[in-house]
């Protein structure tokens, strides 16, 4: 009898388990809901008669109907997407949101702040989504202040990518976009005295706010920038061995000293990202043209090392001197070879840029040229946190390339090793005795 009762008990438990499994299989799990703060994920578009509408609090001071806003999230699932906006308005405002060319209008009324239903969309592909917000009408002086979107639905899950919060000033860094790097491995036993690299920015990829850094080394960096619509620079900097963001606080015996510079070169100090000596030359370099960078570094024998940077201007058919800096408390040849691509203007973080680095070489103290035909791809904390996924690096047309920002859908894995073939066939042609 006990055996029969035991059997009935087991069968009953199995029946309950079967019902639970069946119910779970035929029910819809609760949709994930994510809070998307606009302060770190949005860009202002249209007329800029009233700039500065995007703050850490989201969209504020929005008065121009011609001004719109684009917010980006990256989804890895298809299905439904439901959106609410955390907004308030003085009076009545009618707004419109567009996702994948499908438009939805909604109203924000009164002075109170709350969640307003904006609409639902069907997402048919994975990758980045652009959420466009426009103003249709208003009775007050300004359109609504919008702090965030609450996004839910079967297309949203824990892997949905966006800048989640402003911890560590991530709204600023997230809107700048991910920086990407190429690190060129080489043997520590090599005493490298010269570092040579060639840089080509494709047509249309010379976005304002871009730094295409060619010759990075353990104590500084050397490359070219797009500083504005009318100004471009060749930039060379050497960090002080004294760690600080304030150059005025560096002790005298730890200061980087300028020994010489080119006639059109500005030299001074820099801060905020470490401190040290900086030089730059305003030069109208052009997209589609290849530029050559040459760096020299050698210990002086007095516990200091001197670094000198040269830039080849093909338009002038000559090498130009940027500057020569003496770094104290340093006794090393060149090391830590790398290149990188970054955007330094947050308002430009929604534009894609790309750069090619080719024909990398080092020259040792025996005057032997050695190719740098292998590179390791890495990225910064913005990418490491999973906040931005628009970063890539690889090999194309016999050169390494880096690409970032603009919300493209490809991503290159961290520490991917890249290799060039046929790289060591031709060494650089440089007359070192005629360098300025």
Protein backbone atom coordinates (compact mmCIF):
# COMPACT_ATOMS: atom_id res chain seq x y z
CA UNK A 1 0.00 0.00 0.00
CA UNK A 2 2.84 2.42 0.85
CA UNK A 3 4.43 1.64 -2.51
CA UNK A 4 1.15 2.50 -4.31
CA UNK A 5 0.76 5.78 -2.39
CA UNK A 6 4.38 6.66 -3.10
CA UNK A 7 3.82 6.00 -6.80
CA UNK A 8 0.73 8.17 -6.86
CA UNK A 9 2.67 10.96 -5.11
CA UNK A 10 5.49 10.82 -7.65
CA UNK A 11 3.06 10.81 -10.57
CA UNK A 12 1.22 13.81 -9.11
CA UNK A 13 4.48 15.78 -8.78
CA UNK A 14 5.44 14.90 -12.35
CA UNK A 15 2.00 16.07 -13.53
CA UNK A 16 2.42 19.42 -11.74
CA UNK A 17 5.89 19.83 -13.25
CA UNK A 18 4.49 19.04 -16.71
CA UNK A 19 1.80 21.71 -16.29
CA UNK A 20 4.42 24.25 -15.18
CA UNK A 21 6.63 23.50 -18.18
CA UNK A 22 3.67 23.64 -20.56
CA UNK A 23 2.48 26.95 -19.10
CA UNK A 24 5.98 28.43 -19.32
CA UNK A 25 6.41 27.32 -22.92
CA UNK A 26 3.12 28.85 -24.03
CA UNK A 27 3.26 32.13 -22.07
CA UNK A 28 5.07 35.34 -22.99
CA UNK A 29 7.85 36.33 -20.58
CA UNK A 30 7.66 39.81 -19.13
CA UNK A 31 9.23 42.28 -21.53
CA UNK A 32 12.48 43.92 -20.46
CA UNK A 33 12.20 47.68 -19.94
CA UNK A 34 15.24 49.98 -20.22
CA UNK A 35 15.65 53.60 -19.14
CA UNK A 36 17.52 55.57 -21.82
CA UNK A 37 18.77 58.96 -20.57
CA UNK A 38 18.83 61.43 -23.45
CA UNK A 39 21.77 63.37 -22.00
CA UNK A 40 24.21 60.63 -23.05
CA UNK A 41 22.54 59.19 -26.15
CA UNK A 42 21.16 62.12 -28.16
CA UNK A 43 22.37 64.62 -30.79
CA UNK A 44 20.80 67.88 -31.86
CA UNK A 45 20.01 68.35 -35.55
CA UNK A 46 18.67 71.05 -37.83
CA UNK A 47 19.14 74.74 -37.21
CA UNK A 48 21.60 75.65 -34.50
CA UNK A 49 20.18 79.13 -33.85
CA UNK A 50 19.60 77.91 -30.30
CA UNK A 51 22.56 75.61 -29.54
CA UNK A 52 23.11 73.74 -26.32
CA UNK A 53 19.68 72.11 -26.07
CA UNK A 54 21.25 68.83 -24.89
CA UNK A 55 22.46 68.84 -21.30
CA UNK A 56 23.12 66.15 -18.72
CA UNK A 57 19.41 66.46 -17.84
CA UNK A 58 18.31 65.68 -21.40
CA UNK A 59 16.64 68.08 -23.85
CA UNK A 60 16.16 71.62 -22.52
CA UNK A 61 15.56 75.12 -23.95
CA UNK A 62 14.05 73.68 -27.12
CA UNK A 63 12.44 76.61 -28.93
CA UNK A 64 13.10 76.14 -32.64
CA UNK A 65 10.69 73.94 -34.61
CA UNK A 66 13.48 73.34 -37.12
CA UNK A 67 15.53 71.66 -34.40
CA UNK A 68 15.17 67.89 -34.03
CA UNK A 69 16.93 65.27 -31.94
CA UNK A 70 18.33 61.83 -32.72
CA UNK A 71 18.76 59.18 -30.02
CA UNK A 72 20.49 55.84 -30.64
CA UNK A 73 20.13 52.41 -29.04
CA UNK A 74 21.41 49.09 -30.33
CA UNK A 75 19.13 46.04 -30.24
CA UNK A 76 20.10 42.40 -30.74
CA UNK A 77 16.56 41.04 -31.12
CA UNK A 78 13.57 41.71 -33.35
CA UNK A 79 9.95 42.12 -32.34
CA UNK A 80 7.88 44.80 -30.65
CA UNK A 81 9.19 48.06 -29.26
CA UNK A 82 7.11 50.29 -27.01
CA UNK A 83 8.28 53.78 -26.07
CA UNK A 84 7.34 56.25 -23.35
CA UNK A 85 8.89 59.68 -22.93
CA UNK A 86 9.63 61.33 -19.58
CA UNK A 87 8.65 64.87 -20.51
CA UNK A 88 7.02 68.06 -19.35
CA UNK A 89 5.79 71.18 -21.12
CA UNK A 90 4.54 74.65 -20.32
CA UNK A 91 1.18 74.47 -22.05
CA UNK A 92 0.42 71.90 -24.73
CA UNK A 93 3.06 70.48 -27.04
CA UNK A 94 2.62 67.95 -29.85
CA UNK A 95 5.71 65.89 -30.65
CA UNK A 96 6.54 63.24 -33.24
CA UNK A 97 8.84 60.24 -32.95
CA UNK A 98 10.11 58.36 -36.01
CA UNK A 99 11.70 54.89 -35.90
CA UNK A 100 12.48 53.02 -39.13
CA UNK A 101 10.47 55.59 -41.14
CA UNK A 102 7.31 54.95 -39.06
CA UNK A 103 5.98 58.10 -37.39
CA UNK A 104 3.94 58.44 -34.18
CA UNK A 105 2.58 61.67 -32.71
CA UNK A 106 1.83 62.30 -29.03
CA UNK A 107 1.00 65.24 -26.80
CA UNK A 108 2.65 66.60 -23.66
CA UNK A 109 0.29 68.76 -21.62
CA UNK A 110 0.66 70.87 -18.50
CA UNK A 111 3.56 71.69 -16.20
CA UNK A 112 3.80 68.33 -14.47
CA UNK A 113 6.55 65.84 -15.26
CA UNK A 114 5.63 62.26 -16.04
CA UNK A 115 5.73 59.40 -18.49
CA UNK A 116 3.86 59.99 -21.74
CA UNK A 117 2.89 57.21 -24.15
CA UNK A 118 4.64 57.75 -27.48
CA UNK A 119 3.73 54.62 -29.45
CA UNK A 120 4.74 51.10 -30.51
CA UNK A 121 6.83 49.87 -33.44
CA UNK A 122 7.69 46.53 -35.03
CA UNK A 123 11.47 46.03 -35.26
CA UNK A 124 12.43 43.70 -38.11
CA UNK A 125 16.23 43.82 -37.92
CA UNK A 126 18.94 43.98 -35.29
CA UNK A 127 21.57 46.69 -34.90
CA UNK A 128 21.40 50.38 -34.17
CA UNK A 129 18.03 52.16 -34.11
CA UNK A 130 17.70 55.90 -34.60
CA UNK A 131 14.87 57.48 -32.62
CA UNK A 132 14.08 60.91 -34.12
CA UNK A 133 12.15 63.44 -32.06
CA UNK A 134 10.53 66.47 -33.70
CA UNK A 135 8.30 69.28 -32.52
CA UNK A 136 4.96 69.71 -34.33
CA UNK A 137 3.25 72.46 -32.33
CA UNK A 138 3.39 74.26 -28.98
CA UNK A 139 1.40 76.84 -27.05
CA UNK A 140 4.26 77.90 -24.77
CA UNK A 141 7.61 79.51 -25.50
CA UNK A 142 9.41 76.20 -25.74
CA UNK A 143 8.73 72.62 -26.69
CA UNK A 144 8.84 69.94 -24.03
CA UNK A 145 11.79 69.22 -21.81
CA UNK A 146 12.53 65.52 -22.32
CA UNK A 147 14.71 63.66 -19.84
CA UNK A 148 14.58 60.04 -20.96
CA UNK A 149 12.84 57.29 -22.90
CA UNK A 150 11.46 54.13 -21.32
CA UNK A 151 11.76 51.44 -24.00
CA UNK A 152 10.26 47.97 -23.70
CA UNK A 153 8.99 45.10 -25.84
CA UNK A 154 10.28 41.81 -27.18
CA UNK A 155 13.04 43.62 -29.16
CA UNK A 156 14.51 44.91 -25.90
CA UNK A 157 16.60 42.79 -23.54
CA UNK A 158 19.54 43.01 -21.16
CA UNK A 159 21.99 43.23 -24.10
CA UNK A 160 20.41 46.39 -25.55
CA UNK A 161 23.31 48.87 -25.82
CA UNK A 162 23.25 52.56 -24.89
CA UNK A 163 24.93 54.89 -22.40
CA UNK A 164 23.16 53.86 -19.21
CA UNK A 165 24.21 56.55 -16.72
CA UNK A 166 26.53 59.47 -16.10
CA UNK A 167 28.78 57.72 -13.59
CA UNK A 168 32.36 58.75 -14.36
CA UNK A 169 31.09 61.50 -16.70
CA UNK A 170 29.97 58.86 -19.21
CA UNK A 171 27.45 61.17 -20.89
CA UNK A 172 30.43 63.19 -22.14
CA UNK A 173 32.54 60.18 -23.09
CA UNK A 174 29.58 58.30 -24.53
CA UNK A 175 28.65 61.15 -26.84
CA UNK A 176 32.29 61.44 -27.93
CA UNK A 177 32.13 57.79 -28.90
CA UNK A 178 34.61 54.92 -28.53
CA UNK A 179 38.30 55.52 -29.18
CA UNK A 180 40.09 52.70 -31.03
CA UNK A 181 43.76 51.76 -31.08
CA UNK A 182 46.39 49.72 -32.89
CA UNK A 183 49.26 48.47 -30.73
CA UNK A 184 52.34 47.29 -32.65
CA UNK A 185 54.20 44.54 -30.75
CA UNK A 186 57.98 44.35 -30.96
CA UNK A 187 60.80 42.74 -29.01
CA UNK A 188 61.92 44.57 -25.87
CA UNK A 189 65.51 43.78 -26.76
CA UNK A 190 65.36 46.09 -29.81
CA UNK A 191 66.75 49.58 -29.23
CA UNK A 192 64.46 51.54 -31.55
CA UNK A 193 65.59 55.06 -32.39
CA UNK A 194 63.11 55.91 -35.17
CA UNK A 195 59.40 55.22 -35.75
CA UNK A 196 57.90 55.75 -39.23
CA UNK A 197 54.23 55.58 -40.25
CA UNK A 198 52.01 56.68 -43.15
CA UNK A 199 48.45 57.95 -42.69
CA UNK A 200 45.62 58.27 -45.20
CA UNK A 201 42.15 59.58 -44.31
CA UNK A 202 39.65 58.56 -47.02
CA UNK A 203 37.59 61.25 -48.73
CA UNK A 204 34.60 62.21 -46.60
CA UNK A 205 36.04 60.70 -43.41
CA UNK A 206 37.82 63.86 -42.21
CA UNK A 207 35.10 64.73 -39.70
CA UNK A 208 35.59 67.76 -37.44
CA UNK A 209 36.79 66.64 -34.01
CA UNK A 210 38.88 63.75 -35.33
CA UNK A 211 42.41 62.95 -34.16
CA UNK A 212 44.23 60.54 -36.45
CA UNK A 213 47.22 59.68 -34.26
CA UNK A 214 50.05 58.09 -36.25
CA UNK A 215 53.14 57.74 -34.04
CA UNK A 216 52.20 56.92 -30.49
CA UNK A 217 54.97 55.94 -28.06
CA UNK A 218 55.37 55.34 -24.35
CA UNK A 219 55.77 59.02 -23.48
CA UNK A 220 53.62 60.86 -26.04
CA UNK A 221 51.87 60.97 -29.39
CA UNK A 222 52.13 62.53 -32.87
CA UNK A 223 49.38 62.84 -35.50
CA UNK A 224 46.91 65.10 -37.28
CA UNK A 225 43.60 66.65 -36.30
CA UNK A 226 40.51 68.32 -37.74
CA UNK A 227 39.98 71.16 -35.28
CA UNK A 228 37.20 73.04 -37.09
CA UNK A 229 35.71 73.55 -40.53
CA UNK A 230 38.57 75.95 -41.32
CA UNK A 231 41.52 74.66 -39.26
CA UNK A 232 43.61 71.50 -39.27
CA UNK A 233 46.70 70.71 -37.26
CA UNK A 234 49.72 68.46 -37.03
CA UNK A 235 50.13 67.80 -33.30
CA UNK A 236 53.07 66.45 -31.28
CA UNK A 237 53.01 66.09 -27.47
CA UNK A 238 55.27 64.61 -24.79
CA UNK A 239 53.95 63.84 -21.29
CA UNK A 240 55.77 64.96 -18.17
CA UNK A 241 56.98 62.18 -15.83
CA UNK A 242 55.07 64.07 -13.09
CA UNK A 243 51.46 62.84 -13.09
CA UNK A 244 48.98 65.72 -13.02
CA UNK A 245 46.29 67.35 -15.16
CA UNK A 246 47.57 70.81 -14.18
CA UNK A 247 50.80 71.76 -16.01
CA UNK A 248 51.39 74.65 -13.56
CA UNK A 249 51.89 72.17 -10.72
CA UNK A 250 54.81 70.33 -12.33
CA UNK A 251 58.10 70.82 -10.40
CA UNK A 252 60.92 72.45 -12.32
CA UNK A 253 63.03 69.30 -12.51
CA UNK A 254 60.07 67.32 -13.93
CA UNK A 255 59.08 69.72 -16.70
CA UNK A 256 59.39 68.80 -20.37
CA UNK A 257 61.66 71.32 -22.09
CA UNK A 258 61.38 72.41 -25.72
CA UNK A 259 64.79 72.38 -27.47
CA UNK A 260 63.71 73.52 -30.93
CA UNK A 261 60.65 73.84 -33.16
CA UNK A 262 59.65 74.61 -36.72
CA UNK A 263 59.25 78.22 -37.80
CA UNK A 264 55.43 77.99 -38.08
CA UNK A 265 54.97 75.75 -35.05
CA UNK A 266 53.28 76.82 -31.83
CA UNK A 267 54.75 75.26 -28.67
CA UNK A 268 53.50 75.34 -25.11
CA UNK A 269 51.91 73.19 -22.42
CA UNK A 270 48.87 70.95 -22.26
CA UNK A 271 46.76 69.57 -19.43
CA UNK A 272 43.52 67.75 -18.54
CA UNK A 273 44.74 64.41 -19.97
CA UNK A 274 48.03 64.31 -18.17
CA UNK A 275 50.39 67.26 -18.68
CA UNK A 276 53.55 68.03 -20.58
CA UNK A 277 54.95 69.78 -23.63
CA UNK A 278 52.83 70.27 -26.72
CA UNK A 279 53.50 71.59 -30.21
CA UNK A 280 51.26 72.00 -33.22
CA UNK A 281 51.42 73.36 -36.72
CA UNK A 282 48.37 74.61 -38.58
CA UNK A 283 48.45 72.73 -41.85
CA UNK A 284 45.67 72.20 -44.39
CA UNK A 285 46.15 68.48 -44.95
CA UNK A 286 43.64 66.87 -47.31
CA UNK A 287 41.57 63.72 -47.20
CA UNK A 288 42.67 61.16 -49.79
CA UNK A 289 46.34 62.17 -49.54
CA UNK A 290 48.95 60.03 -47.75
CA UNK A 291 51.08 61.80 -45.13
CA UNK A 292 54.31 60.55 -43.56
CA UNK A 293 55.25 60.77 -39.88
CA UNK A 294 58.74 60.24 -38.47
CA UNK A 295 59.65 60.21 -34.79
CA UNK A 296 63.12 60.11 -33.20
CA UNK A 297 63.84 59.17 -29.59
CA UNK A 298 67.21 58.64 -27.89
CA UNK A 299 68.55 58.80 -24.31
CA UNK A 300 70.78 61.82 -23.68
CA UNK A 301 73.03 60.14 -21.11
CA UNK A 302 71.93 62.48 -18.31
CA UNK A 303 68.78 60.61 -17.18
CA UNK A 304 66.71 62.34 -19.84
CA UNK A 305 65.49 61.45 -23.33
CA UNK A 306 64.96 63.75 -26.31
CA UNK A 307 62.06 63.21 -28.71
CA UNK A 308 61.90 64.90 -32.12
CA UNK A 309 59.00 64.78 -34.59
CA UNK A 310 59.10 65.32 -38.38
CA UNK A 311 56.17 65.59 -40.81
CA UNK A 312 56.50 65.09 -44.56
CA UNK A 313 54.34 67.55 -46.49
CA UNK A 314 53.76 66.10 -49.99
CA UNK A 315 52.33 69.44 -51.12
CA UNK A 316 55.72 71.00 -50.35
CA UNK A 317 57.80 67.90 -51.11
CA UNK A 318 59.86 68.21 -47.94
CA UNK A 319 60.16 67.12 -44.32
CA UNK A 320 59.07 69.72 -41.77
CA UNK A 321 60.23 69.89 -38.16
CA UNK A 322 57.48 69.95 -35.55
CA UNK A 323 59.53 70.14 -32.36
CA UNK A 324 62.16 68.53 -30.19
CA UNK A 325 61.38 67.98 -26.49
CA UNK A 326 63.70 66.91 -23.67
CA UNK A 327 61.92 64.73 -21.08
CA UNK A 328 63.63 64.53 -17.66
CA UNK A 329 64.02 61.46 -15.49
CA UNK A 330 63.70 59.27 -18.58
CA UNK A 331 66.30 56.91 -19.96
CA UNK A 332 64.84 54.93 -22.85
CA UNK A 333 64.75 54.40 -26.57
CA UNK A 334 61.37 54.40 -28.32
CA UNK A 335 58.86 51.84 -27.09
CA UNK A 336 55.11 51.26 -26.80
CA UNK A 337 54.41 51.86 -30.50
CA UNK A 338 50.75 52.50 -31.27
CA UNK A 339 48.26 54.47 -33.35
CA UNK A 340 44.74 55.52 -32.49
CA UNK A 341 41.60 57.21 -33.76
CA UNK A 342 39.42 59.37 -31.52
CA UNK A 343 36.70 61.99 -31.67
CA UNK A 344 37.27 64.83 -29.19
CA UNK A 345 34.02 66.79 -29.78
CA UNK A 346 30.88 65.17 -28.24
CA UNK A 347 28.58 66.87 -30.78
CA UNK A 348 30.42 64.95 -33.54
CA UNK A 349 30.07 61.52 -31.94
CA UNK A 350 27.26 60.52 -34.31
CA UNK A 351 29.48 60.84 -37.42
CA UNK A 352 31.61 57.97 -38.69
CA UNK A 353 35.30 58.45 -39.44
CA UNK A 354 37.92 56.04 -40.82
CA UNK A 355 41.69 56.11 -41.27
CA UNK A 356 44.36 53.90 -42.84
CA UNK A 357 47.81 53.36 -41.30
CA UNK A 358 50.38 51.78 -43.62
CA UNK A 359 54.07 51.03 -44.07
CA UNK A 360 55.00 51.08 -40.39
CA UNK A 361 58.70 50.70 -39.57
CA UNK A 362 61.16 51.15 -36.75
CA UNK A 363 64.90 51.77 -37.17
CA UNK A 364 67.28 50.59 -34.48
CA UNK A 365 70.57 52.07 -33.27
CA UNK A 366 72.40 49.92 -35.85
CA UNK A 367 70.47 51.68 -38.64
CA UNK A 368 68.52 48.52 -39.43
CA UNK A 369 64.90 48.93 -40.57
CA UNK A 370 62.40 46.50 -39.00
CA UNK A 371 58.76 46.27 -40.20
CA UNK A 372 55.79 46.50 -37.85
CA UNK A 373 53.49 44.13 -39.73
CA UNK A 374 51.35 42.98 -36.78
CA UNK A 375 48.91 45.05 -34.74
CA UNK A 376 46.60 44.35 -31.82
CA UNK A 377 43.20 46.09 -31.87
CA UNK A 378 41.90 47.60 -28.62
CA UNK A 379 39.34 50.18 -27.49
CA UNK A 380 38.52 52.45 -24.54
CA UNK A 381 36.16 52.25 -21.54
CA UNK A 382 33.15 53.52 -23.49
CA UNK A 383 33.33 50.39 -25.61
CA UNK A 384 34.48 48.14 -22.78
CA UNK A 385 31.34 49.01 -20.78
CA UNK A 386 29.22 48.03 -23.78
CA UNK A 387 27.75 51.55 -24.01
CA UNK A 388 28.85 52.03 -27.64
CA UNK A 389 29.32 49.24 -30.19
CA UNK A 390 30.36 51.30 -33.23
CA UNK A 391 34.06 50.45 -33.34
CA UNK A 392 36.16 48.47 -35.80
CA UNK A 393 39.69 47.76 -36.95
CA UNK A 394 41.17 45.50 -39.58
CA UNK A 395 43.27 45.13 -42.71
CA UNK A 396 42.18 46.53 -46.05
CA UNK A 397 44.11 47.21 -49.28
CA UNK A 398 47.44 46.41 -47.68
CA UNK A 399 46.99 48.70 -44.69
CA UNK A 400 45.62 48.63 -41.17
CA UNK A 401 42.46 50.64 -40.64
CA UNK A 402 40.51 52.04 -37.70
CA UNK A 403 36.88 53.15 -37.75
CA UNK A 404 34.61 54.56 -35.05
CA UNK A 405 31.43 56.48 -34.22
CA UNK A 406 28.35 57.05 -36.38
CA UNK A 407 26.46 53.98 -35.08
CA UNK A 408 27.46 51.47 -37.73
CA UNK A 409 26.69 47.87 -36.80
CA UNK A 410 30.04 46.12 -37.12
CA UNK A 411 32.29 45.61 -34.08
CA UNK A 412 35.78 44.15 -33.81
CA UNK A 413 36.61 41.97 -30.81
CA UNK A 414 38.99 43.33 -28.18
CA UNK A 415 42.64 42.34 -28.72
CA UNK A 416 42.02 41.00 -32.23
CA UNK A 417 45.40 40.41 -33.86
CA UNK A 418 45.83 41.89 -37.34
CA UNK A 419 48.55 41.02 -39.85
CA UNK A 420 49.89 42.61 -43.04
CA UNK A 421 51.51 40.54 -45.80
CA UNK A 422 54.25 41.79 -48.13
CA UNK A 423 54.98 44.62 -45.73
CA UNK A 424 58.77 44.23 -45.55
CA UNK A 425 59.51 44.58 -49.24
CA UNK A 426 60.38 48.29 -49.33
CA UNK A 427 61.96 50.36 -46.56
CA UNK A 428 61.32 54.12 -46.23
CA UNK A 429 63.51 56.41 -48.32
CA UNK A 430 64.75 59.10 -45.97
CA UNK A 431 67.91 61.17 -46.13
CA UNK A 432 68.49 61.59 -42.40
CA UNK A 433 71.36 64.04 -42.93
CA UNK A 434 68.97 66.50 -44.59
CA UNK A 435 66.25 66.44 -41.95
CA UNK A 436 65.65 69.96 -40.60
